[in-house]
Amino acid sequence: MTTPRPATVVGLDVGGTSINATVLDADGRFLVERLYETPSRVLDGPPAAVEALAGAFAGVLAMTGTDQASVDAFAAAFGRVD
């Protein structure tokens, strides 16, 4: 019999200048002591912005020691860029 692993959720907030990322467990507890923040690169075009988003996802997982395979869901919020 296998022991169920705890659910993990990654949250990403993408703004015009930065991406803030966090990780939460199934009970809504933050697994980070502070937000992981990195430049969003949205003004550099879609490929650069997607690369920055993937980097933020990987970076917050590394910061918390969370294996990507344990992530059950992620939520992303995107701000407006003029």
PDB file of N, CA and C in Angstrom:
ATOM      1  N   MET A   1       0.847  -1.174   0.000  1.00  0.00           N
ATOM      2  CA  MET A   1       0.000   0.000   0.000  1.00  0.00           C
ATOM      3  C   MET A   1       0.894   1.239   0.000  1.00  0.00           C
ATOM      4  N   THR A   2       0.585   2.188  -0.876  1.00  0.00           N
ATOM      5  CA  THR A   2       1.391   3.403  -0.945  1.00  0.00           C
ATOM      6  C   THR A   2       0.764   4.489  -0.087  1.00  0.00           C
ATOM      7  N   THR A   3       1.615   5.311   0.446  1.00  0.00           N
ATOM      8  CA  THR A   3       1.162   6.450   1.239  1.00  0.00           C
ATOM      9  C   THR A   3       0.893   7.614   0.304  1.00  0.00           C
ATOM     10  N   PRO A   4      -0.297   8.222   0.370  1.00  0.00           N
ATOM     11  CA  PRO A   4      -0.554   9.362  -0.508  1.00  0.00           C
ATOM     12  C   PRO A   4       0.382  10.516  -0.186  1.00  0.00           C
ATOM     13  N   ARG A   5       0.852  11.166  -1.216  1.00  0.00           N
ATOM     14  CA  ARG A   5       1.732  12.313  -1.003  1.00  0.00           C
ATOM     15  C   ARG A   5       0.883  13.560  -0.825  1.00  0.00           C
ATOM     16  N   PRO A   6       1.394  14.549  -0.128  1.00  0.00           N
ATOM     17  CA  PRO A   6       0.620  15.776   0.070  1.00  0.00           C
ATOM     18  C   PRO A   6       0.465  16.548  -1.241  1.00  0.00           C
ATOM     19  N   ALA A   7      -0.668  17.180  -1.391  1.00  0.00           N
ATOM     20  CA  ALA A   7      -0.911  18.003  -2.573  1.00  0.00           C
ATOM     21  C   ALA A   7      -0.051  19.262  -2.504  1.00  0.00           C
ATOM     22  N   THR A   8       0.408  19.697  -3.655  1.00  0.00           N
ATOM     23  CA  THR A   8       1.233  20.897  -3.744  1.00  0.00           C
ATOM     24  C   THR A   8       0.700  21.774  -4.877  1.00  0.00           C
ATOM     25  N   VAL A   9       0.613  23.076  -4.618  1.00  0.00           N
ATOM     26  CA  VAL A   9       0.149  24.036  -5.612  1.00  0.00           C
ATOM     27  C   VAL A   9       1.185  25.142  -5.750  1.00  0.00           C
ATOM     28  N   VAL A  10       1.482  25.522  -6.992  1.00  0.00           N
ATOM     29  CA  VAL A  10       2.379  26.640  -7.280  1.00  0.00           C
ATOM     30  C   VAL A  10       1.530  27.816  -7.739  1.00  0.00           C
ATOM     31  N   GLY A  11       1.795  28.993  -7.186  1.00  0.00           N
ATOM     32  CA  GLY A  11       1.109  30.210  -7.598  1.00  0.00           C
ATOM     33  C   GLY A  11       2.095  31.162  -8.249  1.00  0.00           C
ATOM     34  N   LEU A  12       1.698  31.718  -9.400  1.00  0.00           N
ATOM     35  CA  LEU A  12       2.540  32.656 -10.141  1.00  0.00           C
ATOM     36  C   LEU A  12       1.756  33.932 -10.409  1.00  0.00           C
ATOM     37  N   ASP A  13       2.325  35.072 -10.062  1.00  0.00           N
ATOM     38  CA  ASP A  13       1.723  36.380 -10.310  1.00  0.00           C
ATOM     39  C   ASP A  13       2.639  37.109 -11.278  1.00  0.00           C
ATOM     40  N   VAL A  14       2.164  37.265 -12.511  1.00  0.00           N
ATOM     41  CA  VAL A  14       2.990  37.847 -13.570  1.00  0.00           C
ATOM     42  C   VAL A  14       2.581  39.298 -13.791  1.00  0.00           C
ATOM     43  N   GLY A  15       3.532  40.195 -13.554  1.00  0.00           N
ATOM     44  CA  GLY A  15       3.285  41.612 -13.766  1.00  0.00           C
ATOM     45  C   GLY A  15       4.147  42.155 -14.896  1.00  0.00           C
ATOM     46  N   GLY A  16       4.070  43.438 -15.101  1.00  0.00           N
ATOM     47  CA  GLY A  16       4.821  44.075 -16.170  1.00  0.00           C
ATOM     48  C   GLY A  16       6.320  44.082 -15.958  1.00  0.00           C
ATOM     49  N   THR A  17       6.756  43.993 -14.705  1.00  0.00           N
ATOM     50  CA  THR A  17       8.195  44.033 -14.429  1.00  0.00           C
ATOM     51  C   THR A  17       8.715  42.794 -13.718  1.00  0.00           C
ATOM     52  N   SER A  18       7.837  42.075 -12.989  1.00  0.00           N
ATOM     53  CA  SER A  18       8.341  40.916 -12.250  1.00  0.00           C
ATOM     54  C   SER A  18       7.301  39.805 -12.151  1.00  0.00           C
ATOM     55  N   ILE A  19       7.804  38.624 -11.827  1.00  0.00           N
ATOM     56  CA  ILE A  19       6.972  37.463 -11.518  1.00  0.00           C
ATOM     57  C   ILE A  19       7.214  37.128 -10.053  1.00  0.00           C
ATOM     58  N   ASN A  20       6.145  36.997  -9.297  1.00  0.00           N
ATOM     59  CA  ASN A  20       6.231  36.524  -7.917  1.00  0.00           C
ATOM     60  C   ASN A  20       5.679  35.109  -7.894  1.00  0.00           C
ATOM     61  N   ALA A  21       6.377  34.205  -7.225  1.00  0.00           N
ATOM     62  CA  ALA A  21       5.953  32.813  -7.180  1.00  0.00           C
ATOM     63  C   ALA A  21       5.957  32.302  -5.755  1.00  0.00           C
ATOM     64  N   THR A  22       5.060  31.360  -5.473  1.00  0.00           N
ATOM     65  CA  THR A  22       4.978  30.750  -4.160  1.00  0.00           C
ATOM     66  C   THR A  22       4.531  29.302  -4.300  1.00  0.00           C
ATOM     67  N   VAL A  23       4.671  28.528  -3.236  1.00  0.00           N
ATOM     68  CA  VAL A  23       4.239  27.131  -3.207  1.00  0.00           C
ATOM     69  C   VAL A  23       3.422  26.930  -1.931  1.00  0.00           C
ATOM     70  N   LEU A  24       2.294  26.245  -2.077  1.00  0.00           N
ATOM     71  CA  LEU A  24       1.421  25.955  -0.934  1.00  0.00           C
ATOM     72  C   LEU A  24       1.164  24.459  -0.842  1.00  0.00           C
ATOM     73  N   ASP A  25       0.890  24.004   0.397  1.00  0.00           N
ATOM     74  CA  ASP A  25       0.532  22.599   0.574  1.00  0.00           C
ATOM     75  C   ASP A  25      -0.993  22.456   0.530  1.00  0.00           C
ATOM     76  N   ALA A  26      -1.488  21.247   0.748  1.00  0.00           N
ATOM     77  CA  ALA A  26      -2.916  20.959   0.644  1.00  0.00           C
ATOM     78  C   ALA A  26      -3.761  21.734   1.656  1.00  0.00           C
ATOM     79  N   ASP A  27      -3.152  22.138   2.757  1.00  0.00           N
ATOM     80  CA  ASP A  27      -3.872  22.903   3.773  1.00  0.00           C
ATOM     81  C   ASP A  27      -3.773  24.411   3.566  1.00  0.00           C
ATOM     82  N   GLY A  28      -3.158  24.832   2.443  1.00  0.00           N
ATOM     83  CA  GLY A  28      -3.024  26.255   2.154  1.00  0.00           C
ATOM     84  C   GLY A  28      -1.873  26.923   2.866  1.00  0.00           C
ATOM     85  N   ARG A  29      -0.984  26.139   3.453  1.00  0.00           N
ATOM     86  CA  ARG A  29       0.195  26.702   4.132  1.00  0.00           C
ATOM     87  C   ARG A  29       1.286  26.980   3.112  1.00  0.00           C
ATOM     88  N   PHE A  30       1.896  28.142   3.233  1.00  0.00           N
ATOM     89  CA  PHE A  30       3.005  28.502   2.360  1.00  0.00           C
ATOM     90  C   PHE A  30       4.239  27.666   2.701  1.00  0.00           C
ATOM     91  N   LEU A  31       4.896  27.151   1.689  1.00  0.00           N
ATOM     92  CA  LEU A  31       6.127  26.388   1.876  1.00  0.00           C
ATOM     93  C   LEU A  31       7.355  27.267   1.673  1.00  0.00           C
ATOM     94  N   VAL A  32       7.133  28.559   1.466  1.00  0.00           N
ATOM     95  CA  VAL A  32       8.224  29.513   1.288  1.00  0.00           C
ATOM     96  C   VAL A  32       8.191  30.507   2.446  1.00  0.00           C
ATOM     97  N   GLU A  33       9.353  31.015   2.797  1.00  0.00           N
ATOM     98  CA  GLU A  33       9.405  32.052   3.829  1.00  0.00           C
ATOM     99  C   GLU A  33       9.208  33.431   3.214  1.00  0.00           C
ATOM    100  N   ARG A  34       9.469  33.521   1.933  1.00  0.00           N
ATOM    101  CA  ARG A  34       9.283  34.785   1.202  1.00  0.00           C
ATOM    102  C   ARG A  34       8.952  34.432  -0.239  1.00  0.00           C
ATOM    103  N   LEU A  35       8.362  35.375  -0.956  1.00  0.00           N
ATOM    104  CA  LEU A  35       8.064  35.142  -2.366  1.00  0.00           C
ATOM    105  C   LEU A  35       9.351  34.992  -3.166  1.00  0.00           C
ATOM    106  N   TYR A  36       9.285  34.168  -4.172  1.00  0.00           N
ATOM    107  CA  TYR A  36      10.371  34.076  -5.140  1.00  0.00           C
ATOM    108  C   TYR A  36      10.047  35.116  -6.208  1.00  0.00           C
ATOM    109  N   GLU A  37      10.973  36.008  -6.479  1.00  0.00           N
ATOM    110  CA  GLU A  37      10.722  37.084  -7.439  1.00  0.00           C
ATOM    111  C   GLU A  37      11.805  37.103  -8.507  1.00  0.00           C
ATOM    112  N   THR A  38      11.378  37.289  -9.760  1.00  0.00           N
ATOM    113  CA  THR A  38      12.292  37.337 -10.891  1.00  0.00           C
ATOM    114  C   THR A  38      11.709  38.260 -11.957  1.00  0.00           C
ATOM    115  N   PRO A  39      12.527  38.856 -12.821  1.00  0.00           N
ATOM    116  CA  PRO A  39      11.990  39.723 -13.874  1.00  0.00           C
ATOM    117  C   PRO A  39      11.021  38.966 -14.792  1.00  0.00           C
ATOM    118  N   SER A  40       9.941  39.616 -15.208  1.00  0.00           N
ATOM    119  CA  SER A  40       8.937  38.956 -16.047  1.00  0.00           C
ATOM    120  C   SER A  40       9.319  38.926 -17.530  1.00  0.00           C
ATOM    121  N   ARG A  41      10.066  39.889 -17.968  1.00  0.00           N
ATOM    122  CA  ARG A  41      10.535  39.989 -19.359  1.00  0.00           C
ATOM    123  C   ARG A  41       9.396  40.066 -20.373  1.00  0.00           C
ATOM    124  N   VAL A  42       8.215  40.483 -19.945  1.00  0.00           N
ATOM    125  CA  VAL A  42       7.079  40.554 -20.868  1.00  0.00           C
ATOM    126  C   VAL A  42       7.295  41.574 -21.982  1.00  0.00           C
ATOM    127  N   LEU A  43       8.074  42.585 -21.707  1.00  0.00           N
ATOM    128  CA  LEU A  43       8.324  43.598 -22.741  1.00  0.00           C
ATOM    129  C   LEU A  43       9.347  43.129 -23.776  1.00  0.00           C
ATOM    130  N   ASP A  44       9.995  41.986 -23.514  1.00  0.00           N
ATOM    131  CA  ASP A  44      10.956  41.416 -24.461  1.00  0.00           C
ATOM    132  C   ASP A  44      10.296  40.490 -25.467  1.00  0.00           C
ATOM    133  N   GLY A  45       8.979  40.316 -25.373  1.00  0.00           N
ATOM    134  CA  GLY A  45       8.248  39.479 -26.309  1.00  0.00           C
ATOM    135  C   GLY A  45       7.817  38.155 -25.697  1.00  0.00           C
ATOM    136  N   PRO A  46       6.877  37.486 -26.358  1.00  0.00           N
ATOM    137  CA  PRO A  46       6.327  36.236 -25.831  1.00  0.00           C
ATOM    138  C   PRO A  46       7.356  35.146 -25.523  1.00  0.00           C
ATOM    139  N   PRO A  47       8.331  34.864 -26.402  1.00  0.00           N
ATOM    140  CA  PRO A  47       9.279  33.791 -26.058  1.00  0.00           C
ATOM    141  C   PRO A  47      10.052  34.077 -24.761  1.00  0.00           C
ATOM    142  N   ALA A  48      10.482  35.318 -24.592  1.00  0.00           N
ATOM    143  CA  ALA A  48      11.222  35.682 -23.376  1.00  0.00           C
ATOM    144  C   ALA A  48      10.319  35.614 -22.147  1.00  0.00           C
ATOM    145  N   ALA A  49       9.072  36.027 -22.294  1.00  0.00           N
ATOM    146  CA  ALA A  49       8.133  35.996 -21.173  1.00  0.00           C
ATOM    147  C   ALA A  49       7.824  34.558 -20.744  1.00  0.00           C
ATOM    148  N   VAL A  50       7.647  33.668 -21.716  1.00  0.00           N
ATOM    149  CA  VAL A  50       7.377  32.259 -21.399  1.00  0.00           C
ATOM    150  C   VAL A  50       8.601  31.630 -20.727  1.00  0.00           C
ATOM    151  N   GLU A  51       9.777  31.974 -21.211  1.00  0.00           N
ATOM    152  CA  GLU A  51      11.011  31.473 -20.592  1.00  0.00           C
ATOM    153  C   GLU A  51      11.123  31.953 -19.142  1.00  0.00           C
ATOM    154  N   ALA A  52      10.783  33.209 -18.900  1.00  0.00           N
ATOM    155  CA  ALA A  52      10.828  33.756 -17.537  1.00  0.00           C
ATOM    156  C   ALA A  52       9.801  33.068 -16.639  1.00  0.00           C
ATOM    157  N   LEU A  53       8.624  32.782 -17.178  1.00  0.00           N
ATOM    158  CA  LEU A  53       7.586  32.088 -16.420  1.00  0.00           C
ATOM    159  C   LEU A  53       8.042  30.686 -16.026  1.00  0.00           C
ATOM    160  N   ALA A  54       8.613  29.962 -16.971  1.00  0.00           N
ATOM    161  CA  ALA A  54       9.135  28.622 -16.685  1.00  0.00           C
ATOM    162  C   ALA A  54      10.270  28.693 -15.662  1.00  0.00           C
ATOM    163  N   GLY A  55      11.111  29.717 -15.770  1.00  0.00           N
ATOM    164  CA  GLY A  55      12.206  29.896 -14.820  1.00  0.00           C
ATOM    165  C   GLY A  55      11.710  30.175 -13.416  1.00  0.00           C
ATOM    166  N   ALA A  56      10.644  30.968 -13.297  1.00  0.00           N
ATOM    167  CA  ALA A  56      10.072  31.263 -11.979  1.00  0.00           C
ATOM    168  C   ALA A  56       9.477  29.998 -11.366  1.00  0.00           C
ATOM    169  N   PHE A  57       8.812  29.202 -12.189  1.00  0.00           N
ATOM    170  CA  PHE A  57       8.231  27.941 -11.720  1.00  0.00           C
ATOM    171  C   PHE A  57       9.327  27.025 -11.186  1.00  0.00           C
ATOM    172  N   ALA A  58      10.376  26.847 -11.977  1.00  0.00           N
ATOM    173  CA  ALA A  58      11.501  25.990 -11.565  1.00  0.00           C
ATOM    174  C   ALA A  58      12.226  26.583 -10.358  1.00  0.00           C
ATOM    175  N   GLY A  59      12.384  27.891 -10.337  1.00  0.00           N
ATOM    176  CA  GLY A  59      13.112  28.551  -9.248  1.00  0.00           C
ATOM    177  C   GLY A  59      12.432  28.421  -7.907  1.00  0.00           C
ATOM    178  N   VAL A  60      11.108  28.583  -7.868  1.00  0.00           N
ATOM    179  CA  VAL A  60      10.402  28.476  -6.589  1.00  0.00           C
ATOM    180  C   VAL A  60      10.379  27.022  -6.112  1.00  0.00           C
ATOM    181  N   LEU A  61      10.336  26.080  -7.050  1.00  0.00           N
ATOM    182  CA  LEU A  61      10.413  24.670  -6.648  1.00  0.00           C
ATOM    183  C   LEU A  61      11.783  24.365  -6.049  1.00  0.00           C
ATOM    184  N   ALA A  62      12.826  24.874  -6.675  1.00  0.00           N
ATOM    185  CA  ALA A  62      14.183  24.660  -6.159  1.00  0.00           C
ATOM    186  C   ALA A  62      14.346  25.298  -4.783  1.00  0.00           C
ATOM    187  N   MET A  63      13.807  26.506  -4.614  1.00  0.00           N
ATOM    188  CA  MET A  63      13.921  27.216  -3.347  1.00  0.00           C
ATOM    189  C   MET A  63      13.253  26.455  -2.202  1.00  0.00           C
ATOM    190  N   THR A  64      12.161  25.743  -2.507  1.00  0.00           N
ATOM    191  CA  THR A  64      11.426  25.021  -1.475  1.00  0.00           C
ATOM    192  C   THR A  64      11.808  23.544  -1.411  1.00  0.00           C
ATOM    193  N   GLY A  65      12.651  23.089  -2.346  1.00  0.00           N
ATOM    194  CA  GLY A  65      13.022  21.675  -2.367  1.00  0.00           C
ATOM    195  C   GLY A  65      11.867  20.782  -2.793  1.00  0.00           C
ATOM    196  N   THR A  66      10.965  21.335  -3.606  1.00  0.00           N
ATOM    197  CA  THR A  66       9.784  20.604  -4.074  1.00  0.00           C
ATOM    198  C   THR A  66      10.070  19.976  -5.429  1.00  0.00           C
ATOM    199  N   ASP A  67       9.778  18.689  -5.547  1.00  0.00           N
ATOM    200  CA  ASP A  67       9.949  17.981  -6.810  1.00  0.00           C
ATOM    201  C   ASP A  67       8.811  18.355  -7.757  1.00  0.00           C
ATOM    202  N   GLN A  68       9.142  18.643  -9.008  1.00  0.00           N
ATOM    203  CA  GLN A  68       8.130  19.040  -9.989  1.00  0.00           C
ATOM    204  C   GLN A  68       7.036  17.984 -10.120  1.00  0.00           C
ATOM    205  N   ALA A  69       7.379  16.720  -9.984  1.00  0.00           N
ATOM    206  CA  ALA A  69       6.396  15.648 -10.098  1.00  0.00           C
ATOM    207  C   ALA A  69       5.356  15.687  -8.979  1.00  0.00           C
ATOM    208  N   SER A  70       5.638  16.400  -7.893  1.00  0.00           N
ATOM    209  CA  SER A  70       4.695  16.469  -6.778  1.00  0.00           C
ATOM    210  C   SER A  70       3.704  17.621  -6.914  1.00  0.00           C
ATOM    211  N   VAL A  71       3.836  18.434  -7.954  1.00  0.00           N
ATOM    212  CA  VAL A  71       2.934  19.569  -8.142  1.00  0.00           C
ATOM    213  C   VAL A  71       1.619  19.072  -8.746  1.00  0.00           C
ATOM    214  N   ASP A  72       0.531  19.331  -8.039  1.00  0.00           N
ATOM    215  CA  ASP A  72      -0.787  18.905  -8.490  1.00  0.00           C
ATOM    216  C   ASP A  72      -1.482  19.961  -9.349  1.00  0.00           C
ATOM    217  N   ALA A  73      -1.158  21.216  -9.111  1.00  0.00           N
ATOM    218  CA  ALA A  73      -1.811  22.294  -9.846  1.00  0.00           C
ATOM    219  C   ALA A  73      -0.973  23.554  -9.746  1.00  0.00           C
ATOM    220  N   PHE A  74      -1.240  24.462 -10.679  1.00  0.00           N
ATOM    221  CA  PHE A  74      -0.662  25.795 -10.547  1.00  0.00           C
ATOM    222  C   PHE A  74      -1.681  26.810 -10.984  1.00  0.00           C
ATOM    223  N   ALA A  75      -1.577  27.977 -10.409  1.00  0.00           N
ATOM    224  CA  ALA A  75      -2.468  29.089 -10.737  1.00  0.00           C
ATOM    225  C   ALA A  75      -1.607  30.250 -11.147  1.00  0.00           C
ATOM    226  N   ALA A  76      -2.019  30.931 -12.206  1.00  0.00           N
ATOM    227  CA  ALA A  76      -1.260  32.085 -12.678  1.00  0.00           C
ATOM    228  C   ALA A  76      -2.221  33.268 -12.866  1.00  0.00           C
ATOM    229  N   ALA A  77      -1.743  34.425 -12.461  1.00  0.00           N
ATOM    230  CA  ALA A  77      -2.481  35.671 -12.668  1.00  0.00           C
ATOM    231  C   ALA A  77      -1.603  36.591 -13.493  1.00  0.00           C
ATOM    232  N   PHE A  78      -2.186  37.188 -14.517  1.00  0.00           N
ATOM    233  CA  PHE A  78      -1.428  38.037 -15.422  1.00  0.00           C
ATOM    234  C   PHE A  78      -1.967  39.459 -15.365  1.00  0.00           C
ATOM    235  N   GLY A  79      -1.055  40.403 -15.087  1.00  0.00           N
ATOM    236  CA  GLY A  79      -1.424  41.807 -15.075  1.00  0.00           C
ATOM    237  C   GLY A  79      -1.426  42.369 -16.493  1.00  0.00           C
ATOM    238  N   ARG A  80      -1.936  43.543 -16.624  1.00  0.00           N
ATOM    239  CA  ARG A  80      -2.001  44.208 -17.921  1.00  0.00           C
ATOM    240  C   ARG A  80      -0.686  44.916 -18.213  1.00  0.00           C
ATOM    241  N   VAL A  81      -0.225  44.791 -19.438  1.00  0.00           N
ATOM    242  CA  VAL A  81       0.994  45.475 -19.869  1.00  0.00           C
ATOM    243  C   VAL A  81       0.612  46.398 -21.022  1.00  0.00           C
ATOM    244  N   ASP A  82       0.920  47.676 -20.878  1.00  0.00           N
ATOM    245  CA  ASP A  82       0.631  48.640 -21.952  1.00  0.00           C
ATOM    246  C   ASP A  82       1.798  48.760 -22.890  1.00  0.00           C
TER     247      ASP A  82
END
